[in-house]
Amino acid sequence: MADEIEKSEEEWRAQLTDEQFRVTREKGTERAFTGTYTDNKEPGLYRCVCCSAELFRSDEKFDSGSGWPSFFDSPHAKNLRTETDVSFGMRRTEVMCDKCGAHLGHVFEDGPKPTGLRYCINSASLDFDKK
């Protein structure tokens, strides 16, 4: 784990919108097809909404049809952490920001070549720097 940023619940609540807090700090999920970046096709860099760590590039984004921004790879994998999530009676791999522990979404092994991965990420956990 990187030098993780630690803040109190009150500090996170002051920094984030209610939806961002629910998703990133309480491991929530936004409703499918409602996120700001689901259909974003502009070139740029996606960062963690909590700590600004670089996470994904638009070059690795694809339309998975799932209703959430999806990426097949990350050149910033060192900023990602995964762990097994068994909530809701399912077994999935949760994706978190390694710098601040924010819940980002999940990764599945049904993505396109060359990786076969689909990082299914909540828009509420991301900021976007347009190129």
N, C-alpha and C. Protein backbone atom coordinates (compact mmCIF):
# COMPACT_ATOMS: atom_id res chain seq x y z
N MET A 1 0.84 -1.18 0.00
CA MET A 1 0.00 0.00 0.00
C MET A 1 0.89 1.24 0.00
N ALA A 2 0.53 2.21 -0.80
CA ALA A 2 1.25 3.48 -0.84
C ALA A 2 1.02 4.21 0.48
N ASP A 3 1.66 5.35 0.65
CA ASP A 3 1.40 6.16 1.83
C ASP A 3 -0.03 6.66 1.75
N GLU A 4 -0.93 5.90 2.37
CA GLU A 4 -2.36 6.18 2.23
C GLU A 4 -2.75 7.47 2.92
N ILE A 5 -3.59 8.24 2.23
CA ILE A 5 -4.14 9.46 2.78
C ILE A 5 -5.24 9.08 3.75
N GLU A 6 -5.18 9.60 4.94
CA GLU A 6 -6.20 9.31 5.94
C GLU A 6 -6.89 10.60 6.34
N LYS A 7 -8.20 10.58 6.27
CA LYS A 7 -9.01 11.72 6.69
C LYS A 7 -10.17 11.19 7.50
N SER A 8 -10.72 12.04 8.34
CA SER A 8 -11.90 11.65 9.12
C SER A 8 -13.13 11.65 8.21
N GLU A 9 -14.18 11.00 8.67
CA GLU A 9 -15.42 10.99 7.92
C GLU A 9 -15.90 12.41 7.65
N GLU A 10 -15.77 13.28 8.63
CA GLU A 10 -16.19 14.67 8.48
C GLU A 10 -15.37 15.39 7.40
N GLU A 11 -14.07 15.12 7.34
CA GLU A 11 -13.23 15.74 6.31
C GLU A 11 -13.62 15.27 4.92
N TRP A 12 -13.87 13.96 4.78
CA TRP A 12 -14.31 13.45 3.48
C TRP A 12 -15.66 14.05 3.09
N ARG A 13 -16.60 14.11 4.03
CA ARG A 13 -17.92 14.67 3.74
C ARG A 13 -17.83 16.13 3.31
N ALA A 14 -16.92 16.88 3.89
CA ALA A 14 -16.75 18.29 3.53
C ALA A 14 -16.17 18.44 2.12
N GLN A 15 -15.36 17.48 1.70
CA GLN A 15 -14.68 17.54 0.40
C GLN A 15 -15.55 17.03 -0.74
N LEU A 16 -16.38 16.04 -0.47
CA LEU A 16 -17.10 15.32 -1.52
C LEU A 16 -18.59 15.65 -1.53
N THR A 17 -19.22 15.45 -2.69
CA THR A 17 -20.68 15.54 -2.74
C THR A 17 -21.25 14.32 -2.00
N ASP A 18 -22.54 14.34 -1.72
CA ASP A 18 -23.17 13.20 -1.05
C ASP A 18 -22.99 11.92 -1.86
N GLU A 19 -23.18 12.00 -3.17
CA GLU A 19 -23.05 10.83 -4.04
C GLU A 19 -21.60 10.34 -4.08
N GLN A 20 -20.64 11.25 -4.19
CA GLN A 20 -19.23 10.86 -4.19
C GLN A 20 -18.86 10.18 -2.88
N PHE A 21 -19.35 10.71 -1.77
CA PHE A 21 -19.07 10.11 -0.46
C PHE A 21 -19.67 8.71 -0.37
N ARG A 22 -20.92 8.56 -0.78
CA ARG A 22 -21.60 7.27 -0.72
C ARG A 22 -20.85 6.22 -1.53
N VAL A 23 -20.41 6.60 -2.72
CA VAL A 23 -19.72 5.64 -3.59
C VAL A 23 -18.30 5.35 -3.09
N THR A 24 -17.51 6.39 -2.85
CA THR A 24 -16.09 6.18 -2.56
C THR A 24 -15.80 5.77 -1.12
N ARG A 25 -16.54 6.29 -0.16
CA ARG A 25 -16.22 6.02 1.24
C ARG A 25 -17.11 4.93 1.84
N GLU A 26 -18.32 4.73 1.25
CA GLU A 26 -19.24 3.72 1.77
C GLU A 26 -19.42 2.54 0.81
N LYS A 27 -18.59 2.48 -0.22
CA LYS A 27 -18.60 1.38 -1.21
C LYS A 27 -19.94 1.24 -1.91
N GLY A 28 -20.53 2.38 -2.25
CA GLY A 28 -21.79 2.37 -2.97
C GLY A 28 -21.58 2.22 -4.47
N THR A 29 -22.68 2.19 -5.20
CA THR A 29 -22.65 2.11 -6.67
C THR A 29 -23.70 3.06 -7.21
N GLU A 30 -23.31 3.83 -8.21
CA GLU A 30 -24.30 4.70 -8.86
C GLU A 30 -25.17 3.85 -9.78
N ARG A 31 -26.38 4.31 -10.05
CA ARG A 31 -27.27 3.58 -10.95
C ARG A 31 -26.67 3.54 -12.35
N ALA A 32 -26.85 2.44 -13.03
CA ALA A 32 -26.33 2.26 -14.40
C ALA A 32 -26.87 3.37 -15.31
N PHE A 33 -26.02 3.82 -16.22
CA PHE A 33 -26.33 4.80 -17.25
C PHE A 33 -26.65 6.19 -16.70
N THR A 34 -26.29 6.47 -15.45
CA THR A 34 -26.55 7.80 -14.87
C THR A 34 -25.28 8.60 -14.64
N GLY A 35 -24.12 7.99 -14.73
CA GLY A 35 -22.87 8.66 -14.40
C GLY A 35 -22.41 9.67 -15.44
N THR A 36 -21.74 10.68 -14.98
CA THR A 36 -21.23 11.76 -15.82
C THR A 36 -20.33 11.27 -16.94
N TYR A 37 -19.51 10.26 -16.68
CA TYR A 37 -18.49 9.85 -17.65
C TYR A 37 -18.84 8.57 -18.42
N THR A 38 -20.03 8.05 -18.23
CA THR A 38 -20.41 6.80 -18.91
C THR A 38 -20.23 6.92 -20.43
N ASP A 39 -20.70 8.01 -21.01
CA ASP A 39 -20.63 8.18 -22.47
C ASP A 39 -19.53 9.16 -22.90
N ASN A 40 -18.67 9.56 -21.99
CA ASN A 40 -17.61 10.51 -22.34
C ASN A 40 -16.62 9.88 -23.32
N LYS A 41 -16.40 10.55 -24.43
CA LYS A 41 -15.47 10.05 -25.44
C LYS A 41 -14.31 11.02 -25.67
N GLU A 42 -14.21 12.06 -24.85
CA GLU A 42 -13.15 13.05 -25.00
C GLU A 42 -11.81 12.47 -24.55
N PRO A 43 -10.72 12.89 -25.19
CA PRO A 43 -9.40 12.43 -24.75
C PRO A 43 -9.01 13.10 -23.43
N GLY A 44 -8.37 12.32 -22.57
CA GLY A 44 -7.94 12.88 -21.30
C GLY A 44 -7.57 11.82 -20.28
N LEU A 45 -7.48 12.26 -19.04
CA LEU A 45 -7.01 11.44 -17.93
C LEU A 45 -8.08 11.42 -16.84
N TYR A 46 -8.36 10.23 -16.34
CA TYR A 46 -9.30 10.05 -15.24
C TYR A 46 -8.51 9.93 -13.94
N ARG A 47 -8.92 10.70 -12.94
CA ARG A 47 -8.25 10.74 -11.64
C ARG A 47 -9.23 10.36 -10.53
N CYS A 48 -8.69 9.98 -9.39
CA CYS A 48 -9.50 9.70 -8.21
C CYS A 48 -10.11 11.02 -7.72
N VAL A 49 -11.42 11.02 -7.50
CA VAL A 49 -12.11 12.22 -7.05
C VAL A 49 -11.70 12.61 -5.63
N CYS A 50 -11.19 11.66 -4.86
CA CYS A 50 -10.81 11.93 -3.47
C CYS A 50 -9.40 12.51 -3.33
N CYS A 51 -8.45 11.98 -4.12
CA CYS A 51 -7.05 12.38 -3.90
C CYS A 51 -6.30 12.79 -5.17
N SER A 52 -6.96 12.76 -6.31
CA SER A 52 -6.39 13.15 -7.61
C SER A 52 -5.34 12.19 -8.16
N ALA A 53 -5.22 11.00 -7.61
CA ALA A 53 -4.28 10.02 -8.16
C ALA A 53 -4.70 9.68 -9.59
N GLU A 54 -3.72 9.54 -10.48
CA GLU A 54 -3.99 9.16 -11.86
C GLU A 54 -4.42 7.70 -11.90
N LEU A 55 -5.55 7.42 -12.57
CA LEU A 55 -6.10 6.07 -12.58
C LEU A 55 -6.19 5.46 -13.98
N PHE A 56 -6.87 6.14 -14.90
CA PHE A 56 -7.12 5.60 -16.23
C PHE A 56 -6.97 6.70 -17.28
N ARG A 57 -6.67 6.28 -18.52
CA ARG A 57 -6.64 7.20 -19.65
C ARG A 57 -7.81 6.90 -20.58
N SER A 58 -8.22 7.90 -21.31
CA SER A 58 -9.31 7.69 -22.27
C SER A 58 -8.92 6.68 -23.34
N ASP A 59 -7.62 6.51 -23.59
CA ASP A 59 -7.15 5.54 -24.59
C ASP A 59 -7.55 4.11 -24.24
N GLU A 60 -7.77 3.81 -22.98
CA GLU A 60 -8.13 2.46 -22.54
C GLU A 60 -9.63 2.33 -22.24
N LYS A 61 -10.41 3.37 -22.50
CA LYS A 61 -11.84 3.35 -22.22
C LYS A 61 -12.58 2.71 -23.40
N PHE A 62 -13.62 1.95 -23.11
CA PHE A 62 -14.43 1.36 -24.17
C PHE A 62 -15.89 1.28 -23.72
N ASP A 63 -16.79 1.14 -24.67
CA ASP A 63 -18.21 1.05 -24.38
C ASP A 63 -18.56 -0.42 -24.13
N SER A 64 -18.73 -0.77 -22.87
CA SER A 64 -19.03 -2.15 -22.50
C SER A 64 -20.52 -2.45 -22.53
N GLY A 65 -21.33 -1.39 -22.61
CA GLY A 65 -22.78 -1.58 -22.56
C GLY A 65 -23.30 -1.82 -21.16
N SER A 66 -22.42 -1.74 -20.16
CA SER A 66 -22.80 -2.04 -18.78
C SER A 66 -23.48 -0.88 -18.07
N GLY A 67 -23.30 0.35 -18.58
CA GLY A 67 -23.88 1.51 -17.93
C GLY A 67 -22.92 2.26 -17.04
N TRP A 68 -21.68 1.81 -16.97
CA TRP A 68 -20.64 2.48 -16.20
C TRP A 68 -19.41 2.67 -17.09
N PRO A 69 -18.60 3.70 -16.81
CA PRO A 69 -17.35 3.84 -17.56
C PRO A 69 -16.53 2.56 -17.42
N SER A 70 -16.03 2.07 -18.54
CA SER A 70 -15.27 0.82 -18.53
C SER A 70 -13.93 1.01 -19.21
N PHE A 71 -12.92 0.36 -18.65
CA PHE A 71 -11.55 0.47 -19.13
C PHE A 71 -10.97 -0.94 -19.22
N PHE A 72 -10.16 -1.20 -20.26
CA PHE A 72 -9.57 -2.53 -20.40
C PHE A 72 -8.18 -2.62 -19.79
N ASP A 73 -7.63 -1.49 -19.35
CA ASP A 73 -6.29 -1.49 -18.76
C ASP A 73 -6.07 -0.16 -18.05
N SER A 74 -5.00 -0.09 -17.28
CA SER A 74 -4.60 1.16 -16.66
C SER A 74 -3.09 1.27 -16.69
N PRO A 75 -2.56 2.34 -17.30
CA PRO A 75 -1.12 2.56 -17.25
C PRO A 75 -0.69 3.02 -15.86
N HIS A 76 -1.66 3.25 -14.99
CA HIS A 76 -1.39 3.71 -13.62
C HIS A 76 -1.79 2.64 -12.61
N ALA A 77 -1.55 1.38 -12.96
CA ALA A 77 -1.96 0.26 -12.11
C ALA A 77 -1.39 0.33 -10.70
N LYS A 78 -0.24 0.98 -10.55
CA LYS A 78 0.34 1.12 -9.21
C LYS A 78 -0.56 1.93 -8.28
N ASN A 79 -1.48 2.70 -8.85
CA ASN A 79 -2.42 3.49 -8.06
C ASN A 79 -3.73 2.77 -7.78
N LEU A 80 -3.81 1.49 -8.21
CA LEU A 80 -5.01 0.69 -7.99
C LEU A 80 -4.71 -0.46 -7.05
N ARG A 81 -5.70 -0.81 -6.26
CA ARG A 81 -5.60 -1.94 -5.34
C ARG A 81 -6.87 -2.77 -5.53
N THR A 82 -6.76 -4.07 -5.42
CA THR A 82 -7.95 -4.92 -5.55
C THR A 82 -8.06 -5.83 -4.34
N GLU A 83 -9.29 -6.23 -4.06
CA GLU A 83 -9.54 -7.24 -3.03
C GLU A 83 -10.87 -7.92 -3.34
N THR A 84 -11.05 -9.09 -2.81
CA THR A 84 -12.27 -9.86 -3.04
C THR A 84 -13.44 -9.21 -2.31
N ASP A 85 -14.55 -9.09 -3.01
CA ASP A 85 -15.78 -8.52 -2.48
C ASP A 85 -16.87 -9.59 -2.58
N VAL A 86 -17.43 -9.98 -1.44
CA VAL A 86 -18.48 -11.00 -1.43
C VAL A 86 -19.83 -10.43 -1.01
N SER A 87 -20.01 -9.13 -1.17
CA SER A 87 -21.28 -8.50 -0.81
C SER A 87 -22.38 -8.89 -1.80
N PHE A 88 -23.61 -8.78 -1.37
CA PHE A 88 -24.79 -9.04 -2.19
C PHE A 88 -24.82 -10.45 -2.75
N GLY A 89 -24.20 -11.40 -2.06
CA GLY A 89 -24.23 -12.79 -2.47
C GLY A 89 -23.43 -13.10 -3.73
N MET A 90 -22.55 -12.18 -4.11
CA MET A 90 -21.71 -12.37 -5.30
C MET A 90 -20.24 -12.38 -4.89
N ARG A 91 -19.42 -12.95 -5.73
CA ARG A 91 -17.98 -12.92 -5.53
C ARG A 91 -17.39 -12.09 -6.67
N ARG A 92 -16.87 -10.90 -6.33
CA ARG A 92 -16.33 -9.98 -7.33
C ARG A 92 -14.98 -9.47 -6.85
N THR A 93 -14.28 -8.79 -7.74
CA THR A 93 -13.01 -8.15 -7.37
C THR A 93 -13.22 -6.65 -7.33
N GLU A 94 -13.14 -6.10 -6.14
CA GLU A 94 -13.30 -4.67 -5.93
C GLU A 94 -12.02 -3.94 -6.33
N VAL A 95 -12.18 -2.75 -6.92
CA VAL A 95 -11.05 -1.90 -7.29
C VAL A 95 -11.11 -0.65 -6.41
N MET A 96 -9.96 -0.34 -5.80
CA MET A 96 -9.86 0.83 -4.94
C MET A 96 -8.64 1.66 -5.32
N CYS A 97 -8.64 2.92 -4.94
CA CYS A 97 -7.48 3.78 -5.10
C CYS A 97 -6.47 3.38 -4.03
N ASP A 98 -5.24 3.10 -4.45
CA ASP A 98 -4.22 2.69 -3.49
C ASP A 98 -3.75 3.85 -2.62
N LYS A 99 -3.94 5.07 -3.09
CA LYS A 99 -3.45 6.24 -2.36
C LYS A 99 -4.38 6.65 -1.22
N CYS A 100 -5.71 6.50 -1.42
CA CYS A 100 -6.64 6.97 -0.38
C CYS A 100 -7.68 5.93 0.03
N GLY A 101 -7.68 4.76 -0.62
CA GLY A 101 -8.62 3.70 -0.26
C GLY A 101 -10.01 3.88 -0.81
N ALA A 102 -10.23 4.85 -1.68
CA ALA A 102 -11.56 5.08 -2.24
C ALA A 102 -12.05 3.88 -3.04
N HIS A 103 -13.30 3.52 -2.84
CA HIS A 103 -13.94 2.49 -3.67
C HIS A 103 -14.18 3.11 -5.04
N LEU A 104 -13.70 2.42 -6.10
CA LEU A 104 -13.86 2.90 -7.46
C LEU A 104 -14.91 2.09 -8.23
N GLY A 105 -14.92 0.80 -8.04
CA GLY A 105 -15.83 -0.09 -8.76
C GLY A 105 -15.34 -1.51 -8.66
N HIS A 106 -15.46 -2.26 -9.76
CA HIS A 106 -15.04 -3.67 -9.79
C HIS A 106 -14.35 -3.97 -11.11
N VAL A 107 -13.55 -5.03 -11.12
CA VAL A 107 -12.90 -5.48 -12.36
C VAL A 107 -13.37 -6.90 -12.64
N PHE A 108 -13.67 -7.14 -13.92
CA PHE A 108 -14.17 -8.43 -14.37
C PHE A 108 -13.28 -8.95 -15.49
N GLU A 109 -13.31 -10.25 -15.70
CA GLU A 109 -12.47 -10.88 -16.73
C GLU A 109 -13.27 -11.15 -18.00
N ASP A 110 -14.10 -10.19 -18.41
CA ASP A 110 -14.89 -10.34 -19.63
C ASP A 110 -14.70 -9.15 -20.57
N GLY A 111 -13.54 -8.52 -20.49
CA GLY A 111 -13.26 -7.36 -21.32
C GLY A 111 -12.62 -7.72 -22.65
N PRO A 112 -12.32 -6.70 -23.44
CA PRO A 112 -11.74 -6.92 -24.76
C PRO A 112 -10.25 -7.23 -24.70
N LYS A 113 -9.72 -7.68 -25.82
CA LYS A 113 -8.27 -7.87 -25.96
C LYS A 113 -7.63 -6.50 -25.93
N PRO A 114 -6.42 -6.35 -25.51
CA PRO A 114 -5.46 -7.42 -25.26
C PRO A 114 -5.48 -7.96 -23.82
N THR A 115 -6.16 -7.31 -22.87
CA THR A 115 -6.08 -7.73 -21.47
C THR A 115 -7.18 -8.70 -21.07
N GLY A 116 -8.34 -8.61 -21.71
CA GLY A 116 -9.49 -9.41 -21.29
C GLY A 116 -10.14 -8.88 -20.03
N LEU A 117 -9.74 -7.68 -19.58
CA LEU A 117 -10.28 -7.10 -18.34
C LEU A 117 -11.31 -6.02 -18.66
N ARG A 118 -12.24 -5.85 -17.71
CA ARG A 118 -13.21 -4.76 -17.78
C ARG A 118 -13.26 -4.12 -16.40
N TYR A 119 -12.56 -3.00 -16.27
CA TYR A 119 -12.65 -2.21 -15.05
C TYR A 119 -13.94 -1.42 -15.17
N CYS A 120 -14.92 -1.75 -14.34
CA CYS A 120 -16.24 -1.13 -14.35
C CYS A 120 -16.23 -0.12 -13.20
N ILE A 121 -16.12 1.17 -13.53
CA ILE A 121 -15.82 2.20 -12.55
C ILE A 121 -16.96 3.21 -12.43
N ASN A 122 -17.29 3.60 -11.22
CA ASN A 122 -18.33 4.60 -10.98
C ASN A 122 -17.83 5.99 -11.38
N SER A 123 -18.64 6.72 -12.16
CA SER A 123 -18.29 8.10 -12.50
C SER A 123 -18.09 8.95 -11.26
N ALA A 124 -18.87 8.67 -10.22
CA ALA A 124 -18.80 9.46 -8.99
C ALA A 124 -17.46 9.34 -8.29
N SER A 125 -16.67 8.35 -8.65
CA SER A 125 -15.35 8.18 -8.03
C SER A 125 -14.24 8.83 -8.86
N LEU A 126 -14.62 9.46 -9.98
CA LEU A 126 -13.64 9.99 -10.91
C LEU A 126 -13.75 11.51 -11.12
N ASP A 127 -12.60 12.11 -11.41
CA ASP A 127 -12.51 13.44 -11.99
C ASP A 127 -11.88 13.25 -13.36
N PHE A 128 -12.13 14.15 -14.29
CA PHE A 128 -11.61 14.01 -15.64
C PHE A 128 -10.84 15.25 -16.04
N ASP A 129 -9.60 15.05 -16.47
CA ASP A 129 -8.77 16.13 -17.02
C ASP A 129 -8.79 15.98 -18.53
N LYS A 130 -9.49 16.90 -19.18
CA LYS A 130 -9.58 16.87 -20.64
C LYS A 130 -8.22 17.26 -21.23
N LYS A 131 -7.81 16.52 -22.27
CA LYS A 131 -6.54 16.80 -22.93
C LYS A 131 -6.58 18.11 -23.65
